[in-house]
Amino acid sequence: MRNHTKLRAFELADEVAILIYQITSRFPKEELFGLTSQIRRAAVSVPSNIVEGCARDSKADYLRFLNIAFGSLRELHYQVNLSYRLKFLSVQDSSLIESKIIEAEKVLNGLICSLRDVS
């Protein structure tokens, strides 16, 4: 079993999830069951799938969960961009979370690629 707390990808995903909760707390109340909920679910899905993948015995399962995490991260990236265009996010908040998401995408993608390259 792998230790997820030692992965930079997990650390970044966890930071993104916390930032998302802080930022979406200022979204319009009528979005609570709409975009706010959707964004929060995607944000929590990323570190959750990394943790679940680390708990799996096989490399194939580990990679599958990392790929699911990556997909959730890309989904989140779109939702943050949409939130900005809907004016739910300030320029400052959008820049902050977007840069963290991009960093998380690069690190998680690097981890996935390194695992695929190892026979």
N, C-alpha and C. Protein backbone atom coordinates (compact mmCIF):
# COMPACT_ATOMS: atom_id res chain seq x y z
N MET A 1 0.85 -1.18 0.00
CA MET A 1 0.00 0.00 0.00
C MET A 1 0.89 1.24 0.00
N ARG A 2 0.51 2.22 -0.81
CA ARG A 2 1.28 3.46 -0.93
C ARG A 2 0.79 4.50 0.09
N ASN A 3 1.67 5.40 0.47
CA ASN A 3 1.32 6.45 1.41
C ASN A 3 0.99 7.73 0.63
N HIS A 4 -0.27 8.07 0.54
CA HIS A 4 -0.70 9.23 -0.23
C HIS A 4 -0.13 10.55 0.32
N THR A 5 0.14 10.59 1.62
CA THR A 5 0.61 11.85 2.22
C THR A 5 2.02 12.22 1.76
N LYS A 6 2.72 11.28 1.14
CA LYS A 6 4.07 11.54 0.64
C LYS A 6 4.07 12.03 -0.81
N LEU A 7 2.90 12.10 -1.42
CA LEU A 7 2.80 12.51 -2.82
C LEU A 7 2.53 14.01 -2.94
N ARG A 8 3.34 14.68 -3.73
CA ARG A 8 3.13 16.11 -4.00
C ARG A 8 1.78 16.31 -4.69
N ALA A 9 1.40 15.37 -5.54
CA ALA A 9 0.10 15.47 -6.22
C ALA A 9 -1.04 15.51 -5.21
N PHE A 10 -0.95 14.71 -4.16
CA PHE A 10 -1.99 14.72 -3.14
C PHE A 10 -1.97 16.05 -2.38
N GLU A 11 -0.80 16.53 -2.01
CA GLU A 11 -0.70 17.81 -1.28
C GLU A 11 -1.36 18.94 -2.06
N LEU A 12 -1.05 19.01 -3.35
CA LEU A 12 -1.64 20.06 -4.19
C LEU A 12 -3.14 19.89 -4.34
N ALA A 13 -3.59 18.66 -4.53
CA ALA A 13 -5.03 18.40 -4.67
C ALA A 13 -5.78 18.79 -3.40
N ASP A 14 -5.17 18.51 -2.26
CA ASP A 14 -5.76 18.87 -0.97
C ASP A 14 -5.84 20.40 -0.83
N GLU A 15 -4.78 21.08 -1.23
CA GLU A 15 -4.77 22.55 -1.18
C GLU A 15 -5.86 23.13 -2.09
N VAL A 16 -6.01 22.55 -3.27
CA VAL A 16 -7.05 23.00 -4.20
C VAL A 16 -8.43 22.81 -3.58
N ALA A 17 -8.68 21.66 -2.97
CA ALA A 17 -9.99 21.40 -2.36
C ALA A 17 -10.30 22.43 -1.27
N ILE A 18 -9.32 22.73 -0.44
CA ILE A 18 -9.54 23.71 0.63
C ILE A 18 -9.81 25.10 0.04
N LEU A 19 -9.01 25.49 -0.95
CA LEU A 19 -9.22 26.79 -1.61
C LEU A 19 -10.60 26.88 -2.24
N ILE A 20 -11.03 25.80 -2.87
CA ILE A 20 -12.34 25.79 -3.53
C ILE A 20 -13.45 26.01 -2.50
N TYR A 21 -13.36 25.34 -1.36
CA TYR A 21 -14.38 25.54 -0.33
C TYR A 21 -14.38 26.98 0.17
N GLN A 22 -13.22 27.56 0.35
CA GLN A 22 -13.14 28.95 0.82
C GLN A 22 -13.72 29.91 -0.21
N ILE A 23 -13.35 29.71 -1.46
CA ILE A 23 -13.78 30.62 -2.52
C ILE A 23 -15.26 30.46 -2.83
N THR A 24 -15.76 29.24 -2.88
CA THR A 24 -17.18 29.03 -3.22
C THR A 24 -18.12 29.42 -2.09
N SER A 25 -17.60 29.63 -0.90
CA SER A 25 -18.46 30.09 0.19
C SER A 25 -19.01 31.49 -0.10
N ARG A 26 -18.40 32.18 -1.04
CA ARG A 26 -18.84 33.53 -1.42
C ARG A 26 -19.68 33.53 -2.71
N PHE A 27 -19.97 32.37 -3.25
CA PHE A 27 -20.81 32.28 -4.44
C PHE A 27 -22.25 32.67 -4.08
N PRO A 28 -23.04 33.05 -5.08
CA PRO A 28 -24.45 33.38 -4.80
C PRO A 28 -25.17 32.19 -4.17
N LYS A 29 -26.02 32.47 -3.21
CA LYS A 29 -26.74 31.40 -2.49
C LYS A 29 -27.60 30.56 -3.42
N GLU A 30 -28.11 31.16 -4.49
CA GLU A 30 -28.95 30.38 -5.41
C GLU A 30 -28.14 29.35 -6.19
N GLU A 31 -26.81 29.42 -6.13
CA GLU A 31 -25.94 28.44 -6.79
C GLU A 31 -25.53 27.30 -5.87
N LEU A 32 -26.02 27.31 -4.64
CA LEU A 32 -25.60 26.31 -3.66
C LEU A 32 -25.79 24.88 -4.17
N PHE A 33 -26.92 24.61 -4.82
CA PHE A 33 -27.19 23.27 -5.33
C PHE A 33 -26.87 23.13 -6.81
N GLY A 34 -26.26 24.16 -7.37
CA GLY A 34 -25.86 24.15 -8.78
C GLY A 34 -24.36 24.08 -8.90
N LEU A 35 -23.79 25.17 -9.39
CA LEU A 35 -22.36 25.20 -9.66
C LEU A 35 -21.51 25.05 -8.41
N THR A 36 -21.94 25.62 -7.30
CA THR A 36 -21.16 25.48 -6.05
C THR A 36 -21.00 24.01 -5.69
N SER A 37 -22.09 23.29 -5.70
CA SER A 37 -22.06 21.87 -5.37
C SER A 37 -21.21 21.08 -6.36
N GLN A 38 -21.37 21.38 -7.64
CA GLN A 38 -20.63 20.67 -8.69
C GLN A 38 -19.12 20.90 -8.55
N ILE A 39 -18.74 22.14 -8.30
CA ILE A 39 -17.32 22.48 -8.15
C ILE A 39 -16.73 21.80 -6.92
N ARG A 40 -17.46 21.83 -5.84
CA ARG A 40 -16.97 21.20 -4.60
C ARG A 40 -16.81 19.69 -4.77
N ARG A 41 -17.76 19.06 -5.44
CA ARG A 41 -17.66 17.60 -5.67
C ARG A 41 -16.44 17.27 -6.51
N ALA A 42 -16.21 18.04 -7.56
CA ALA A 42 -15.05 17.80 -8.42
C ALA A 42 -13.75 18.01 -7.63
N ALA A 43 -13.72 19.07 -6.81
CA ALA A 43 -12.52 19.38 -6.03
C ALA A 43 -12.21 18.29 -5.02
N VAL A 44 -13.21 17.76 -4.37
CA VAL A 44 -13.01 16.70 -3.37
C VAL A 44 -12.68 15.37 -4.06
N SER A 45 -13.17 15.19 -5.26
CA SER A 45 -12.91 13.95 -6.00
C SER A 45 -11.43 13.75 -6.30
N VAL A 46 -10.71 14.84 -6.51
CA VAL A 46 -9.30 14.72 -6.90
C VAL A 46 -8.47 14.07 -5.79
N PRO A 47 -8.38 14.67 -4.60
CA PRO A 47 -7.58 14.01 -3.56
C PRO A 47 -8.18 12.67 -3.12
N SER A 48 -9.50 12.55 -3.15
CA SER A 48 -10.14 11.29 -2.75
C SER A 48 -9.72 10.14 -3.65
N ASN A 49 -9.67 10.39 -4.96
CA ASN A 49 -9.26 9.33 -5.88
C ASN A 49 -7.78 9.01 -5.78
N ILE A 50 -6.97 10.01 -5.45
CA ILE A 50 -5.55 9.74 -5.22
C ILE A 50 -5.40 8.83 -4.00
N VAL A 51 -6.12 9.15 -2.95
CA VAL A 51 -6.07 8.32 -1.72
C VAL A 51 -6.55 6.91 -2.02
N GLU A 52 -7.68 6.79 -2.72
CA GLU A 52 -8.21 5.46 -3.02
C GLU A 52 -7.24 4.67 -3.90
N GLY A 53 -6.64 5.32 -4.88
CA GLY A 53 -5.67 4.65 -5.73
C GLY A 53 -4.47 4.13 -4.95
N CYS A 54 -4.02 4.94 -3.99
CA CYS A 54 -2.87 4.53 -3.16
C CYS A 54 -3.20 3.30 -2.32
N ALA A 55 -4.46 3.09 -2.03
CA ALA A 55 -4.87 1.95 -1.21
C ALA A 55 -5.02 0.66 -2.02
N ARG A 56 -4.92 0.77 -3.34
CA ARG A 56 -5.07 -0.41 -4.20
C ARG A 56 -3.75 -1.15 -4.34
N ASP A 57 -3.85 -2.45 -4.50
CA ASP A 57 -2.65 -3.29 -4.59
C ASP A 57 -1.98 -3.25 -5.96
N SER A 58 -2.78 -3.21 -7.00
CA SER A 58 -2.19 -3.32 -8.33
C SER A 58 -1.85 -1.94 -8.91
N LYS A 59 -0.83 -1.93 -9.73
CA LYS A 59 -0.43 -0.70 -10.42
C LYS A 59 -1.54 -0.24 -11.38
N ALA A 60 -2.21 -1.19 -12.01
CA ALA A 60 -3.29 -0.85 -12.94
C ALA A 60 -4.42 -0.11 -12.22
N ASP A 61 -4.80 -0.60 -11.04
CA ASP A 61 -5.84 0.07 -10.26
C ASP A 61 -5.37 1.45 -9.80
N TYR A 62 -4.13 1.52 -9.35
CA TYR A 62 -3.55 2.80 -8.91
C TYR A 62 -3.63 3.82 -10.05
N LEU A 63 -3.20 3.42 -11.24
CA LEU A 63 -3.25 4.30 -12.40
C LEU A 63 -4.68 4.69 -12.78
N ARG A 64 -5.58 3.75 -12.67
CA ARG A 64 -6.98 4.04 -13.00
C ARG A 64 -7.52 5.15 -12.11
N PHE A 65 -7.26 5.07 -10.80
CA PHE A 65 -7.74 6.09 -9.89
C PHE A 65 -7.03 7.42 -10.07
N LEU A 66 -5.75 7.37 -10.43
CA LEU A 66 -5.04 8.62 -10.72
C LEU A 66 -5.61 9.28 -11.97
N ASN A 67 -5.98 8.48 -12.95
CA ASN A 67 -6.60 9.03 -14.16
C ASN A 67 -7.98 9.62 -13.87
N ILE A 68 -8.72 9.00 -12.99
CA ILE A 68 -10.02 9.56 -12.58
C ILE A 68 -9.79 10.89 -11.88
N ALA A 69 -8.79 10.95 -11.01
CA ALA A 69 -8.45 12.19 -10.31
C ALA A 69 -8.09 13.28 -11.32
N PHE A 70 -7.31 12.91 -12.33
CA PHE A 70 -6.92 13.88 -13.35
C PHE A 70 -8.13 14.40 -14.11
N GLY A 71 -9.05 13.50 -14.44
CA GLY A 71 -10.28 13.92 -15.12
C GLY A 71 -11.09 14.88 -14.29
N SER A 72 -11.19 14.62 -12.99
CA SER A 72 -11.91 15.52 -12.08
C SER A 72 -11.22 16.88 -12.00
N LEU A 73 -9.91 16.87 -12.04
CA LEU A 73 -9.15 18.12 -12.00
C LEU A 73 -9.39 18.95 -13.25
N ARG A 74 -9.44 18.31 -14.41
CA ARG A 74 -9.75 19.02 -15.66
C ARG A 74 -11.18 19.56 -15.64
N GLU A 75 -12.10 18.77 -15.10
CA GLU A 75 -13.49 19.22 -14.95
C GLU A 75 -13.53 20.46 -14.07
N LEU A 76 -12.82 20.42 -12.97
CA LEU A 76 -12.76 21.54 -12.05
C LEU A 76 -12.18 22.78 -12.72
N HIS A 77 -11.16 22.58 -13.52
CA HIS A 77 -10.54 23.70 -14.24
C HIS A 77 -11.58 24.43 -15.09
N TYR A 78 -12.39 23.67 -15.81
CA TYR A 78 -13.46 24.27 -16.61
C TYR A 78 -14.46 25.01 -15.73
N GLN A 79 -14.88 24.38 -14.65
CA GLN A 79 -15.90 24.97 -13.78
C GLN A 79 -15.42 26.27 -13.14
N VAL A 80 -14.14 26.34 -12.80
CA VAL A 80 -13.58 27.58 -12.25
C VAL A 80 -13.58 28.67 -13.32
N ASN A 81 -13.21 28.28 -14.54
CA ASN A 81 -13.23 29.25 -15.64
C ASN A 81 -14.65 29.75 -15.90
N LEU A 82 -15.61 28.84 -15.87
CA LEU A 82 -17.01 29.22 -16.05
C LEU A 82 -17.46 30.16 -14.93
N SER A 83 -17.08 29.86 -13.72
CA SER A 83 -17.45 30.71 -12.57
C SER A 83 -16.90 32.11 -12.73
N TYR A 84 -15.70 32.21 -13.25
CA TYR A 84 -15.10 33.53 -13.49
C TYR A 84 -15.90 34.29 -14.55
N ARG A 85 -16.24 33.60 -15.64
CA ARG A 85 -16.99 34.25 -16.72
C ARG A 85 -18.41 34.64 -16.29
N LEU A 86 -18.95 33.92 -15.30
CA LEU A 86 -20.27 34.27 -14.75
C LEU A 86 -20.16 35.35 -13.67
N LYS A 87 -18.93 35.77 -13.41
CA LYS A 87 -18.62 36.82 -12.43
C LYS A 87 -18.89 36.38 -10.98
N PHE A 88 -18.79 35.06 -10.74
CA PHE A 88 -18.87 34.54 -9.37
C PHE A 88 -17.52 34.63 -8.68
N LEU A 89 -16.44 34.75 -9.49
CA LEU A 89 -15.09 34.83 -8.96
C LEU A 89 -14.45 36.15 -9.36
N SER A 90 -13.68 36.71 -8.44
CA SER A 90 -12.91 37.91 -8.75
C SER A 90 -11.69 37.51 -9.58
N VAL A 91 -11.05 38.47 -10.19
CA VAL A 91 -9.82 38.22 -10.94
C VAL A 91 -8.78 37.60 -10.02
N GLN A 92 -8.66 38.13 -8.81
CA GLN A 92 -7.67 37.65 -7.85
C GLN A 92 -7.94 36.19 -7.46
N ASP A 93 -9.18 35.88 -7.09
CA ASP A 93 -9.53 34.50 -6.71
C ASP A 93 -9.34 33.54 -7.88
N SER A 94 -9.75 33.98 -9.07
CA SER A 94 -9.62 33.14 -10.26
C SER A 94 -8.15 32.84 -10.54
N SER A 95 -7.30 33.84 -10.48
CA SER A 95 -5.87 33.65 -10.73
C SER A 95 -5.25 32.72 -9.69
N LEU A 96 -5.62 32.92 -8.44
CA LEU A 96 -5.08 32.10 -7.36
C LEU A 96 -5.42 30.62 -7.56
N ILE A 97 -6.69 30.33 -7.76
CA ILE A 97 -7.10 28.94 -7.86
C ILE A 97 -6.65 28.33 -9.18
N GLU A 98 -6.68 29.12 -10.25
CA GLU A 98 -6.26 28.58 -11.55
C GLU A 98 -4.78 28.19 -11.53
N SER A 99 -3.95 29.01 -10.95
CA SER A 99 -2.51 28.66 -10.90
C SER A 99 -2.28 27.41 -10.07
N LYS A 100 -3.05 27.23 -9.00
CA LYS A 100 -2.91 26.04 -8.17
C LYS A 100 -3.42 24.80 -8.92
N ILE A 101 -4.50 24.94 -9.66
CA ILE A 101 -5.04 23.83 -10.46
C ILE A 101 -4.04 23.43 -11.54
N ILE A 102 -3.46 24.40 -12.22
CA ILE A 102 -2.48 24.10 -13.28
C ILE A 102 -1.28 23.37 -12.69
N GLU A 103 -0.79 23.81 -11.54
CA GLU A 103 0.33 23.14 -10.90
C GLU A 103 -0.04 21.70 -10.54
N ALA A 104 -1.24 21.52 -10.00
CA ALA A 104 -1.71 20.17 -9.64
C ALA A 104 -1.82 19.29 -10.88
N GLU A 105 -2.33 19.85 -11.99
CA GLU A 105 -2.44 19.09 -13.23
C GLU A 105 -1.07 18.62 -13.72
N LYS A 106 -0.09 19.51 -13.67
CA LYS A 106 1.25 19.15 -14.14
C LYS A 106 1.87 18.06 -13.28
N VAL A 107 1.74 18.19 -11.97
CA VAL A 107 2.34 17.20 -11.06
C VAL A 107 1.63 15.85 -11.18
N LEU A 108 0.30 15.87 -11.20
CA LEU A 108 -0.45 14.62 -11.32
C LEU A 108 -0.19 13.96 -12.67
N ASN A 109 -0.15 14.74 -13.73
CA ASN A 109 0.15 14.19 -15.05
C ASN A 109 1.56 13.58 -15.07
N GLY A 110 2.51 14.24 -14.44
CA GLY A 110 3.87 13.71 -14.35
C GLY A 110 3.91 12.38 -13.63
N LEU A 111 3.15 12.28 -12.54
CA LEU A 111 3.08 11.02 -11.79
C LEU A 111 2.48 9.92 -12.66
N ILE A 112 1.40 10.23 -13.35
CA ILE A 112 0.74 9.24 -14.22
C ILE A 112 1.70 8.79 -15.32
N CYS A 113 2.37 9.73 -15.96
CA CYS A 113 3.29 9.38 -17.04
C CYS A 113 4.47 8.54 -16.53
N SER A 114 4.96 8.87 -15.35
CA SER A 114 6.10 8.10 -14.80
C SER A 114 5.69 6.67 -14.49
N LEU A 115 4.47 6.48 -14.04
CA LEU A 115 3.99 5.12 -13.74
C LEU A 115 3.73 4.32 -15.01
N ARG A 116 3.30 4.99 -16.06
CA ARG A 116 3.06 4.31 -17.33
C ARG A 116 4.38 3.87 -17.96
N ASP A 117 5.42 4.67 -17.78
CA ASP A 117 6.73 4.37 -18.39
C ASP A 117 7.45 3.23 -17.70
N VAL A 118 7.10 2.97 -16.44
CA VAL A 118 7.78 1.89 -15.70
C VAL A 118 7.11 0.57 -16.05
N SER A 119 7.87 -0.38 -16.45
CA SER A 119 7.32 -1.69 -16.84
C SER A 119 7.00 -2.54 -15.65
